[in-house]
Amino acid sequence: MKVLILDYGSQYTQLIARVVRELGYYSQVVQVDEDVDLSDVGALVLSGGPASVYEPGAPKLPVWFDNYRGKVLGICYGMQLIVHEMGGKVEPGELAEYGRTEIKIVRDDPIFDGIDRETVVWMSHSDVVQFLPSNFHVTALSKNNMIVAASDSNRFWLLQFHPEVRHTIFGRQMLENFLSKICQLKPNWNLEDFIVRKIEELKNELSDKRVIAALSGGVDSSVACVLVHKAIGNNLKCVFVDHGLLRKNEEEEVMRVFKNMLGLNVVKIDARERFLQRLKGVSDPERKRKIIGEEFIRVFEEEARSYDATHLVQGTIYSDVIESAKSGKKTAAIKSHHNVGGLPEKMDLKIVEPLRNLFKDEVRLVGEMLGIPRNVIHRHPFPGPGLAVRVIGEVNEEKLNLLREADSLLIETLKETGWYEKTWQAFAVLLPVRSVGVRGDRRAYDYVLAIRCVDSVEGMTADWSRLPHDVLDLISRRILNSVKGIGRVVYDISSKPPATIEWE
């Protein structure tokens, strides 16, 4: 039985899904206007969102809601929507509550079992519940005497705060209480089961098909390819496209690992000239991503025709879907990923995305279970558009070569100093500006290089890595001494949000 999460546009919706999985229950995020099969839904969670329930056009309950007879947890907007729809009253509050807030539990309820009567939660609301529908009762109040939790002790449990964020001290306990004690679900979701089920699904879908896969050598595409190979064997043909935007020596390493070590059916396509030609004169990052996404598909279509393939496997993961605004109609697009938002509208291939609903750290665990070498699984993420989105502005061979050398020295230094696996992702970015310097008593005017190192778990949020000053010094000196054309190195100390991990 799965936990269905109805997305009303909250920035935390995907975090609800993630925490539910970490507790051992399978979760799935759906949209308000999406058709849903209720036969295997064991619990329903309504997320938060930016709208006000009393405004025209505010999202409502889905058309299938009355057909669902199970338990419902409403969070933030979800609470206000249930109150509004059931006859209570929600209106703008005189006081807003944001961030850490103290609450007091005023009535025993199974959702609060094992939780202190006074605790700290994470709030994010300006609308307030003035009074509840009939048959509902208050279970918790804030320090401002606002209603922050309520229930009818039968079907609905409502929380004004966000139990899914770590700042709510007993938030995970509340979610666990709702799922296990109230909904009577058993925690039976794990990645071993995911692998077994996914291989069976892929066999059923693809066993009589000829399939090609987009193999980049990164974590996501590697795991996707090995997973599909487990299902259909040599009916899968992995296509590695050298688009001229790869890291140093990447094309040799990918072929060595996946063809020689793992025994996959891999072919390499040299498409460097066609990609760089299409990118000529293009500076806008979204145009770059879309051009690369379309060109990838055209290369795969050509290869598919020669192989009589009908399906294309991609290593799309959940963060790709979310940032490309494919996770929900209320979600803002951050950037187009080449394998999601960058896809052309008309394609000759049917897309297969076996990892679409997994987060990055889950993908790594699946890869380890499938026997993929550790140096591949724990390799830092690399964007599908490659170095094209790390050369800010127009891309050309000169800039790519500078960036390749600098990036290689960065990674080499992090590995030597033991910091490579301590950071979630590290890379160099070539900026479209030059800076005055001195080389050999002569004036120099060379490019500025930015170093980006971040700590994260799933890529949805990230903080900049606190590298020791001596490591940063070593990185800078190596690059400046070895890469002619780079005259200044800077370190990016931006978190996500407000920045993204990649610069473009």
Protein backbone atom coordinates (compact mmCIF):
# COMPACT_ATOMS: atom_id res chain seq x y z
CA MET A 1 0.00 0.00 0.00
CA LYS A 2 1.38 3.39 -0.94
CA VAL A 3 1.19 6.83 0.60
CA LEU A 4 -0.28 9.29 -1.90
CA ILE A 5 0.88 12.90 -1.59
CA LEU A 6 -1.32 15.50 -3.24
CA ASP A 7 0.84 18.40 -4.39
CA TYR A 8 -0.55 21.91 -3.83
CA GLY A 9 2.71 23.62 -4.78
CA SER A 10 4.67 23.60 -1.53
CA GLN A 11 8.45 23.86 -1.69
CA TYR A 12 8.42 20.94 0.76
CA THR A 13 6.18 18.52 -1.17
CA GLN A 14 9.06 16.38 -2.40
CA LEU A 15 10.53 16.39 1.10
CA ILE A 16 7.31 14.81 2.40
CA ALA A 17 7.74 12.04 -0.16
CA ARG A 18 11.35 11.58 0.81
CA VAL A 19 10.74 11.40 4.58
CA VAL A 20 7.88 8.93 4.09
CA ARG A 21 10.24 6.67 2.13
CA GLU A 22 12.94 6.99 4.77
CA LEU A 23 10.37 5.79 7.30
CA GLY A 24 9.88 2.68 5.16
CA TYR A 25 6.65 3.47 3.27
CA TYR A 26 6.37 3.84 -0.50
CA SER A 27 5.25 7.35 -1.50
CA GLN A 28 4.04 8.90 -4.73
CA VAL A 29 3.38 12.57 -5.53
CA VAL A 30 0.35 13.36 -7.71
CA GLN A 31 -1.35 16.51 -8.99
CA VAL A 32 -4.83 17.76 -8.19
CA ASP A 33 -6.10 17.18 -11.74
CA GLU A 34 -4.34 13.83 -12.21
CA ASP A 35 -6.31 10.60 -12.57
CA VAL A 36 -5.50 8.32 -9.65
CA ASP A 37 -5.98 4.60 -9.03
CA LEU A 38 -7.11 4.42 -5.40
CA SER A 39 -6.98 0.63 -5.11
CA ASP A 40 -3.52 0.56 -3.47
CA VAL A 41 -3.60 3.87 -1.56
CA GLY A 42 -3.20 3.34 2.18
CA ALA A 43 -2.86 6.99 3.24
CA LEU A 44 -3.42 10.41 1.69
CA VAL A 45 -1.37 13.52 2.52
CA LEU A 46 -2.36 17.00 1.31
CA SER A 47 0.70 19.21 1.01
CA GLY A 48 1.16 22.88 1.75
CA GLY A 49 1.06 25.54 -0.94
CA PRO A 50 1.24 29.28 -1.62
CA ALA A 51 -2.47 29.89 -2.34
CA SER A 52 -5.23 31.08 0.00
CA VAL A 53 -8.26 28.78 0.12
CA TYR A 54 -10.78 31.65 0.07
CA GLU A 55 -9.42 33.29 -3.09
CA PRO A 56 -10.98 32.70 -6.54
CA GLY A 57 -9.06 30.06 -8.46
CA ALA A 58 -7.44 28.51 -5.39
CA PRO A 59 -6.76 24.76 -5.80
CA LYS A 60 -9.58 22.52 -4.58
CA LEU A 61 -9.90 18.89 -3.58
CA PRO A 62 -9.57 16.50 -6.55
CA VAL A 63 -12.65 15.06 -8.24
CA TRP A 64 -11.82 11.61 -6.91
CA PHE A 65 -11.56 12.74 -3.27
CA ASP A 66 -15.04 11.55 -2.23
CA ASN A 67 -14.22 8.08 -3.56
CA TYR A 68 -11.28 7.78 -1.20
CA ARG A 69 -12.36 6.35 2.14
CA GLY A 70 -9.03 6.21 3.95
CA LYS A 71 -7.29 8.51 6.41
CA VAL A 72 -6.17 12.02 5.41
CA LEU A 73 -3.33 14.16 6.74
CA GLY A 74 -3.61 17.84 5.80
CA ILE A 75 -0.43 19.93 6.13
CA CYS A 76 -0.50 23.76 6.08
CA TYR A 77 -2.61 24.59 2.98
CA GLY A 78 -3.89 21.02 3.16
CA MET A 79 -5.25 21.71 6.65
CA GLN A 80 -6.84 24.98 5.59
CA LEU A 81 -8.41 23.37 2.51
CA ILE A 82 -10.08 20.61 4.56
CA VAL A 83 -11.33 23.16 7.08
CA HIS A 84 -12.67 25.39 4.29
CA GLU A 85 -14.33 22.55 2.36
CA MET A 86 -15.91 20.98 5.47
CA GLY A 87 -17.60 24.17 6.68
CA GLY A 88 -14.99 25.82 8.90
CA LYS A 89 -13.49 29.27 8.37
CA VAL A 90 -10.03 30.35 7.16
CA GLU A 91 -9.07 34.02 6.80
CA PRO A 92 -6.00 36.27 6.80
CA GLY A 93 -4.47 36.44 10.25
CA GLU A 94 -3.48 39.52 12.17
CA LEU A 95 -0.26 37.72 13.00
CA ALA A 96 1.75 35.51 10.64
CA GLU A 97 3.84 32.61 11.90
CA TYR A 98 7.09 31.75 10.13
CA GLY A 99 10.04 29.61 11.15
CA ARG A 100 10.53 27.96 14.54
CA THR A 101 7.40 28.24 16.67
CA GLU A 102 6.50 26.79 20.06
CA ILE A 103 3.26 24.85 20.29
CA LYS A 104 1.33 23.16 23.09
CA ILE A 105 -0.57 19.90 22.67
CA VAL A 106 -3.92 20.42 24.39
CA ARG A 107 -5.65 17.11 23.70
CA ASP A 108 -4.44 13.51 23.54
CA ASP A 109 -4.29 12.19 20.00
CA PRO A 110 -2.49 9.22 18.43
CA ILE A 111 -0.58 11.52 16.06
CA PHE A 112 1.17 13.00 19.12
CA ASP A 113 1.96 9.69 20.88
CA GLY A 114 5.41 9.80 22.47
CA ILE A 115 5.79 13.55 21.88
CA ASP A 116 6.37 16.25 24.50
CA ARG A 117 3.30 18.32 25.35
CA GLU A 118 5.27 21.46 24.52
CA THR A 119 7.52 21.31 21.48
CA VAL A 120 8.97 23.31 18.58
CA VAL A 121 7.68 23.12 15.01
CA TRP A 122 8.35 24.87 11.69
CA MET A 123 5.63 27.28 10.55
CA SER A 124 5.07 29.05 7.24
CA HIS A 125 1.63 30.66 7.10
CA SER A 126 -0.21 33.98 7.26
CA ASP A 127 -3.77 32.64 6.88
CA VAL A 128 -5.30 31.16 10.03
CA VAL A 129 -8.12 28.79 10.95
CA GLN A 130 -10.70 30.88 12.83
CA PHE A 131 -13.04 28.00 13.64
CA LEU A 132 -13.24 24.32 12.78
CA PRO A 133 -15.98 22.36 11.04
CA SER A 134 -18.44 20.49 13.24
CA ASN A 135 -17.14 17.21 14.70
CA PHE A 136 -13.56 18.54 14.65
CA HIS A 137 -11.63 19.41 17.80
CA VAL A 138 -8.43 21.32 18.52
CA THR A 139 -5.43 19.17 19.45
CA ALA A 140 -2.66 21.81 19.57
CA LEU A 141 -2.29 25.59 19.84
CA SER A 142 0.62 27.89 19.09
CA LYS A 143 2.12 30.33 21.58
CA ASN A 144 -0.08 32.96 19.85
CA ASN A 145 -3.13 30.81 20.69
CA MET A 146 -3.73 29.94 17.04
CA ILE A 147 -5.14 26.54 16.05
CA VAL A 148 -2.20 24.54 14.72
CA ALA A 149 -3.52 20.98 14.90
CA ALA A 150 -6.98 19.45 14.75
CA SER A 151 -8.78 16.19 14.06
CA ASP A 152 -12.17 14.56 13.84
CA SER A 153 -10.59 11.39 15.35
CA ASN A 154 -12.03 9.41 12.46
CA ARG A 155 -10.78 10.41 9.03
CA PHE A 156 -8.93 13.74 9.16
CA TRP A 157 -5.75 14.83 10.94
CA LEU A 158 -4.69 18.42 10.30
CA LEU A 159 -1.38 20.17 11.01
CA GLN A 160 -0.74 23.85 10.32
CA PHE A 161 3.03 23.33 10.62
CA HIS A 162 5.43 21.22 8.54
CA PRO A 163 6.29 17.87 10.17
CA GLU A 164 8.48 16.91 7.20
CA VAL A 165 11.24 19.46 7.88
CA ARG A 166 14.00 18.73 10.38
CA HIS A 167 13.28 21.95 12.31
CA THR A 168 10.03 20.36 13.58
CA ILE A 169 11.62 18.44 16.45
CA PHE A 170 9.17 15.51 16.55
CA GLY A 171 8.01 15.84 12.95
CA ARG A 172 9.14 12.41 11.83
CA GLN A 173 7.51 10.85 14.87
CA MET A 174 4.23 12.55 13.94
CA LEU A 175 4.40 11.21 10.38
CA GLU A 176 5.30 7.74 11.67
CA ASN A 177 2.37 7.87 14.12
CA PHE A 178 -0.02 8.86 11.33
CA LEU A 179 1.13 6.10 9.00
CA SER A 180 1.57 3.25 11.48
CA LYS A 181 -0.91 3.96 14.29
CA ILE A 182 -3.67 5.82 12.49
CA CYS A 183 -3.49 4.30 8.99
CA GLN A 184 -2.27 0.90 10.23
CA LEU A 185 0.33 0.66 7.47
CA LYS A 186 3.39 -1.56 7.73
CA PRO A 187 6.80 -0.18 6.68
CA ASN A 188 7.66 -2.47 3.76
CA TRP A 189 9.30 -0.09 1.28
CA ASN A 190 12.99 -0.63 0.64
CA LEU A 191 15.32 -0.32 -2.32
CA GLU A 192 15.84 -4.08 -2.59
CA ASP A 193 12.12 -4.43 -3.28
CA PHE A 194 12.30 -1.50 -5.70
CA ILE A 195 15.00 -3.28 -7.73
CA VAL A 196 13.02 -6.53 -7.89
CA ARG A 197 9.79 -4.79 -8.86
CA LYS A 198 11.45 -2.47 -11.37
CA ILE A 199 13.28 -5.31 -13.14
CA GLU A 200 9.99 -7.19 -13.40
CA GLU A 201 8.23 -4.10 -14.77
CA LEU A 202 10.99 -3.57 -17.32
CA LYS A 203 10.82 -7.21 -18.40
CA ASN A 204 7.08 -6.94 -18.95
CA GLU A 205 7.41 -3.67 -20.85
CA LEU A 206 10.55 -4.28 -22.88
CA SER A 207 11.26 -8.02 -23.18
CA ASP A 208 10.10 -8.17 -26.81
CA LYS A 209 11.52 -4.74 -27.73
CA ARG A 210 14.89 -3.52 -28.95
CA VAL A 211 16.05 -0.73 -26.70
CA ILE A 212 18.84 1.84 -26.72
CA ALA A 213 20.08 3.71 -23.67
CA ALA A 214 21.69 7.10 -23.19
CA LEU A 215 24.89 6.33 -21.26
CA SER A 216 26.89 9.32 -20.06
CA GLY A 217 29.04 7.55 -17.48
CA GLY A 218 27.48 9.52 -14.64
CA VAL A 219 25.74 7.91 -11.68
CA ASP A 220 22.17 8.19 -12.95
CA SER A 221 22.60 6.92 -16.49
CA SER A 222 24.96 4.17 -15.29
CA VAL A 223 22.44 2.81 -12.79
CA ALA A 224 19.60 3.09 -15.32
CA CYS A 225 21.58 1.16 -17.95
CA VAL A 226 22.63 -1.64 -15.58
CA LEU A 227 19.07 -1.95 -14.22
CA VAL A 228 17.59 -2.31 -17.72
CA HIS A 229 20.40 -4.68 -18.73
CA LYS A 230 19.42 -6.91 -15.78
CA ALA A 231 15.91 -7.03 -17.22
CA ILE A 232 16.47 -7.53 -20.96
CA GLY A 233 20.17 -8.38 -21.41
CA ASN A 234 21.65 -7.80 -24.85
CA ASN A 235 18.38 -6.41 -26.20
CA LEU A 236 19.73 -3.21 -24.67
CA LYS A 237 22.27 -1.22 -26.66
CA CYS A 238 23.97 1.54 -24.65
CA VAL A 239 24.91 4.60 -26.67
CA PHE A 240 27.67 6.84 -25.36
CA VAL A 241 27.66 10.18 -27.18
CA ASP A 242 30.89 12.14 -27.21
CA HIS A 243 29.42 15.59 -27.72
CA GLY A 244 32.69 17.41 -27.16
CA LEU A 245 31.49 18.71 -23.78
CA LEU A 246 32.97 15.98 -21.59
CA ARG A 247 35.50 16.13 -18.78
CA LYS A 248 39.13 15.25 -19.44
CA ASN A 249 39.65 11.61 -20.61
CA GLU A 250 35.99 10.81 -19.94
CA GLU A 251 35.35 9.03 -23.23
CA GLU A 252 38.12 6.46 -22.59
CA GLU A 253 37.06 5.84 -18.99
CA VAL A 254 33.39 5.24 -19.83
CA MET A 255 34.21 2.66 -22.48
CA ARG A 256 36.70 0.91 -20.19
CA VAL A 257 34.28 0.57 -17.27
CA PHE A 258 31.02 -0.25 -19.00
CA LYS A 259 32.18 -2.29 -21.95
CA ASN A 260 35.16 -4.11 -20.47
CA MET A 261 34.34 -4.32 -16.75
CA LEU A 262 30.53 -4.56 -16.68
CA GLY A 263 30.05 -6.28 -20.03
CA LEU A 264 27.35 -3.98 -21.38
CA ASN A 265 26.72 -3.64 -25.09
CA VAL A 266 28.16 -0.13 -25.58
CA VAL A 267 28.89 1.90 -28.70
CA LYS A 268 30.53 5.32 -28.83
CA ILE A 269 29.25 8.02 -31.21
CA ASP A 270 31.60 10.86 -32.13
CA ALA A 271 29.24 13.84 -32.39
CA ARG A 272 31.63 16.58 -31.28
CA GLU A 273 31.47 18.60 -34.47
CA ARG A 274 27.69 18.65 -34.78
CA PHE A 275 27.09 19.70 -31.16
CA LEU A 276 29.67 22.49 -31.18
CA GLN A 277 28.38 23.74 -34.52
CA ARG A 278 24.84 24.02 -33.17
CA LEU A 279 26.07 25.80 -30.05
CA LYS A 280 28.07 28.35 -31.99
CA GLY A 281 27.06 31.90 -31.01
CA VAL A 282 24.61 30.73 -28.33
CA SER A 283 24.98 32.31 -24.88
CA ASP A 284 21.57 31.86 -23.24
CA PRO A 285 21.71 28.86 -20.86
CA GLU A 286 18.16 27.68 -21.57
CA ARG A 287 18.83 27.73 -25.31
CA LYS A 288 22.02 25.76 -24.75
CA ARG A 289 20.18 23.13 -22.72
CA LYS A 290 17.37 22.78 -25.24
CA ILE A 291 19.75 22.60 -28.21
CA ILE A 292 21.77 19.89 -26.49
CA GLY A 293 18.64 18.00 -25.44
CA GLU A 294 17.26 18.02 -28.98
CA GLU A 295 20.59 17.09 -30.55
CA PHE A 296 20.97 14.17 -28.14
CA ILE A 297 17.59 12.85 -29.22
CA ARG A 298 18.41 13.22 -32.91
CA VAL A 299 21.62 11.24 -32.43
CA PHE A 300 19.73 8.53 -30.55
CA GLU A 301 17.00 8.42 -33.18
CA GLU A 302 19.61 7.85 -35.89
CA GLU A 303 21.20 5.08 -33.84
CA ALA A 304 17.78 3.62 -33.04
CA ARG A 305 16.88 3.36 -36.72
CA SER A 306 20.04 1.39 -37.42
CA TYR A 307 19.18 -0.91 -34.49
CA ASP A 308 15.40 -1.03 -35.11
CA ALA A 309 14.91 0.25 -31.55
CA THR A 310 11.60 1.66 -30.32
CA HIS A 311 12.53 2.79 -26.79
CA LEU A 312 15.15 5.06 -25.25
CA VAL A 313 16.36 4.63 -21.64
CA GLN A 314 17.40 7.78 -19.76
CA GLY A 315 18.80 8.33 -16.28
CA THR A 316 16.24 10.95 -15.28
CA ILE A 317 15.86 11.28 -11.48
CA TYR A 318 13.38 13.12 -9.30
CA SER A 319 15.40 16.33 -8.91
CA ASP A 320 15.63 16.62 -12.73
CA VAL A 321 11.85 16.33 -12.97
CA ILE A 322 11.24 18.85 -10.20
CA GLU A 323 13.63 21.53 -11.51
CA SER A 324 12.26 21.16 -15.04
CA ALA A 325 8.76 21.89 -13.60
CA LYS A 326 7.42 18.47 -14.50
CA SER A 327 6.60 17.57 -10.92
CA GLY A 328 3.56 19.78 -10.67
CA LYS A 329 1.61 22.53 -12.39
CA LYS A 330 2.08 24.79 -9.38
CA THR A 331 5.86 24.32 -9.41
CA ALA A 332 8.06 26.99 -10.99
CA ALA A 333 10.57 25.94 -13.64
CA ILE A 334 14.14 26.45 -12.44
CA LYS A 335 15.97 25.18 -15.52
CA SER A 336 15.45 22.65 -18.28
CA HIS A 337 17.34 19.40 -17.85
CA HIS A 338 18.37 18.00 -21.23
CA ASN A 339 16.55 14.75 -20.52
CA VAL A 340 13.32 16.35 -19.25
CA GLY A 341 12.57 19.96 -20.11
CA GLY A 342 15.03 19.90 -23.01
CA LEU A 343 13.28 17.14 -24.94
CA PRO A 344 11.82 18.07 -28.34
CA GLU A 345 8.04 17.87 -28.69
CA LYS A 346 8.16 15.36 -31.54
CA MET A 347 10.19 12.19 -31.06
CA ASP A 348 10.33 8.79 -32.72
CA LEU A 349 11.29 6.99 -29.51
CA LYS A 350 9.33 6.11 -26.41
CA ILE A 351 11.18 7.27 -23.27
CA VAL A 352 11.91 4.81 -20.43
CA GLU A 353 12.96 6.38 -17.11
CA PRO A 354 13.40 3.64 -14.48
CA LEU A 355 14.83 6.04 -11.86
CA ARG A 356 12.38 8.89 -12.39
CA ASN A 357 10.96 8.69 -8.86
CA LEU A 358 14.24 8.24 -6.96
CA PHE A 359 16.43 10.86 -5.34
CA LYS A 360 20.19 10.94 -5.98
CA ASP A 361 21.24 9.19 -2.78
CA GLU A 362 18.66 6.44 -3.43
CA VAL A 363 20.10 5.99 -6.93
CA ARG A 364 23.58 5.54 -5.46
CA LEU A 365 22.32 2.85 -3.09
CA VAL A 366 20.61 1.04 -5.97
CA GLY A 367 23.87 1.20 -7.92
CA GLU A 368 25.80 -0.38 -5.07
CA MET A 369 23.22 -3.17 -4.85
CA LEU A 370 23.60 -3.78 -8.60
CA GLY A 371 27.36 -4.20 -8.24
CA ILE A 372 28.49 -1.06 -10.08
CA PRO A 373 32.06 -0.05 -9.05
CA ARG A 374 32.29 2.42 -6.18
CA ASN A 375 34.31 4.94 -8.19
CA VAL A 376 31.36 5.20 -10.61
CA ILE A 377 28.59 5.25 -8.00
CA HIS A 378 30.26 7.86 -5.82
CA ARG A 379 31.40 9.99 -8.69
CA HIS A 380 30.23 13.55 -8.40
CA PRO A 381 27.11 14.44 -10.42
CA PHE A 382 27.76 15.77 -13.91
CA PRO A 383 25.08 17.59 -15.94
CA GLY A 384 23.84 16.04 -19.17
CA PRO A 385 24.70 19.20 -21.15
CA GLY A 386 28.22 18.75 -19.82
CA LEU A 387 30.71 21.59 -19.80
CA ALA A 388 28.40 23.69 -21.99
CA VAL A 389 26.64 24.89 -18.82
CA ARG A 390 29.94 25.40 -16.99
CA VAL A 391 31.32 27.67 -19.68
CA ILE A 392 29.23 30.74 -18.97
CA GLY A 393 28.21 32.40 -22.22
CA GLU A 394 29.21 31.21 -25.68
CA VAL A 395 30.94 27.83 -25.89
CA ASN A 396 34.04 27.24 -28.02
CA GLU A 397 36.93 24.78 -28.13
CA GLU A 398 39.41 27.14 -26.46
CA LYS A 399 37.19 27.71 -23.43
CA LEU A 400 36.33 24.01 -23.17
CA ASN A 401 40.00 23.03 -23.14
CA LEU A 402 40.79 25.57 -20.41
CA LEU A 403 37.90 24.34 -18.30
CA ARG A 404 38.78 20.65 -18.80
CA GLU A 405 42.32 21.18 -17.54
CA ALA A 406 41.26 23.30 -14.57
CA ASP A 407 38.44 20.95 -13.59
CA SER A 408 40.78 17.95 -13.78
CA LEU A 409 43.26 19.64 -11.44
CA LEU A 410 40.46 20.50 -9.00
CA ILE A 411 39.20 16.91 -8.80
CA GLU A 412 42.73 15.51 -8.62
CA THR A 413 43.56 17.81 -5.69
CA LEU A 414 40.36 16.95 -3.82
CA LYS A 415 41.11 13.24 -4.16
CA GLU A 416 44.71 13.67 -3.01
CA THR A 417 43.67 15.65 0.07
CA GLY A 418 40.80 13.30 0.99
CA TRP A 419 38.09 15.85 0.24
CA TYR A 420 36.54 14.32 -2.88
CA GLU A 421 34.12 12.02 -1.03
CA LYS A 422 33.56 14.59 1.71
CA THR A 423 31.91 16.90 -0.81
CA TRP A 424 28.73 15.99 -2.67
CA GLN A 425 29.73 17.79 -5.85
CA ALA A 426 32.72 19.84 -6.96
CA PHE A 427 33.46 21.48 -10.28
CA ALA A 428 34.95 24.51 -12.01
CA VAL A 429 33.09 27.22 -13.93
CA LEU A 430 34.73 29.39 -16.58
CA LEU A 431 33.38 32.93 -16.37
CA PRO A 432 32.89 35.24 -19.38
CA VAL A 433 35.13 37.92 -17.87
CA ARG A 434 38.86 38.52 -17.87
CA SER A 435 40.96 39.93 -15.07
CA VAL A 436 44.25 41.82 -15.01
CA GLY A 437 47.20 39.94 -13.60
CA VAL A 438 50.99 39.69 -13.70
CA ARG A 439 52.94 36.82 -15.27
CA GLY A 440 56.72 36.97 -15.60
CA ASP A 441 56.76 40.72 -14.86
CA ARG A 442 54.34 41.26 -17.74
CA ARG A 443 50.72 42.34 -17.72
CA ALA A 444 48.29 39.44 -18.23
CA TYR A 445 44.60 39.57 -19.03
CA ASP A 446 43.15 36.10 -18.52
CA TYR A 447 39.88 34.37 -17.65
CA VAL A 448 38.38 34.12 -14.17
CA LEU A 449 37.59 30.61 -12.92
CA ALA A 450 35.04 29.90 -10.17
CA ILE A 451 35.30 26.81 -7.98
CA ARG A 452 32.00 25.33 -6.76
CA CYS A 453 31.95 22.68 -4.00
CA VAL A 454 28.68 21.81 -2.25
CA ASP A 455 27.35 19.48 0.42
CA SER A 456 23.95 17.88 -0.15
CA VAL A 457 22.00 14.66 0.20
CA GLU A 458 19.56 14.60 -2.70
CA GLY A 459 20.42 17.75 -4.65
CA MET A 460 17.19 19.59 -3.81
CA THR A 461 19.02 21.76 -1.29
CA ALA A 462 22.75 22.32 -0.86
CA ASP A 463 25.24 24.31 1.15
CA TRP A 464 28.73 25.36 0.10
CA SER A 465 31.52 23.11 1.35
CA ARG A 466 33.79 24.53 4.03
CA LEU A 467 37.06 23.41 2.45
CA PRO A 468 40.17 24.14 4.55
CA HIS A 469 42.07 27.21 3.44
CA ASP A 470 45.19 25.18 2.69
CA VAL A 471 43.20 22.96 0.31
CA LEU A 472 41.71 25.98 -1.43
CA ASP A 473 45.19 27.48 -1.65
CA LEU A 474 46.57 24.29 -3.22
CA ILE A 475 43.73 24.16 -5.76
CA SER A 476 44.24 27.78 -6.75
CA ARG A 477 48.03 27.56 -7.08
CA ARG A 478 47.88 24.39 -9.16
CA ILE A 479 45.38 25.86 -11.59
CA LEU A 480 47.07 29.24 -11.91
CA ASN A 481 50.49 27.66 -12.38
CA SER A 482 49.40 24.99 -14.86
CA VAL A 483 46.55 26.36 -16.98
CA LYS A 484 47.71 29.17 -19.22
CA GLY A 485 44.75 31.44 -19.91
CA ILE A 486 43.27 31.44 -16.39
CA GLY A 487 44.46 34.35 -14.27
CA ARG A 488 42.21 34.36 -11.21
CA VAL A 489 40.42 31.70 -9.11
CA VAL A 490 37.41 32.50 -6.90
CA TYR A 491 35.34 30.29 -4.57
CA ASP A 492 31.53 30.20 -4.70
CA ILE A 493 29.93 30.40 -1.22
CA SER A 494 26.27 30.41 -2.32
CA SER A 495 23.74 27.92 -0.94
CA LYS A 496 20.76 26.35 -2.76
CA PRO A 497 18.36 28.07 -2.44
CA PRO A 498 18.68 30.91 -3.41
CA ALA A 499 21.31 29.78 -5.93
CA THR A 500 21.23 26.50 -7.83
CA ILE A 501 24.16 24.08 -7.74
CA GLU A 502 25.09 24.58 -11.38
CA TRP A 503 25.61 28.15 -12.56
CA GLU A 504 23.52 27.67 -15.70
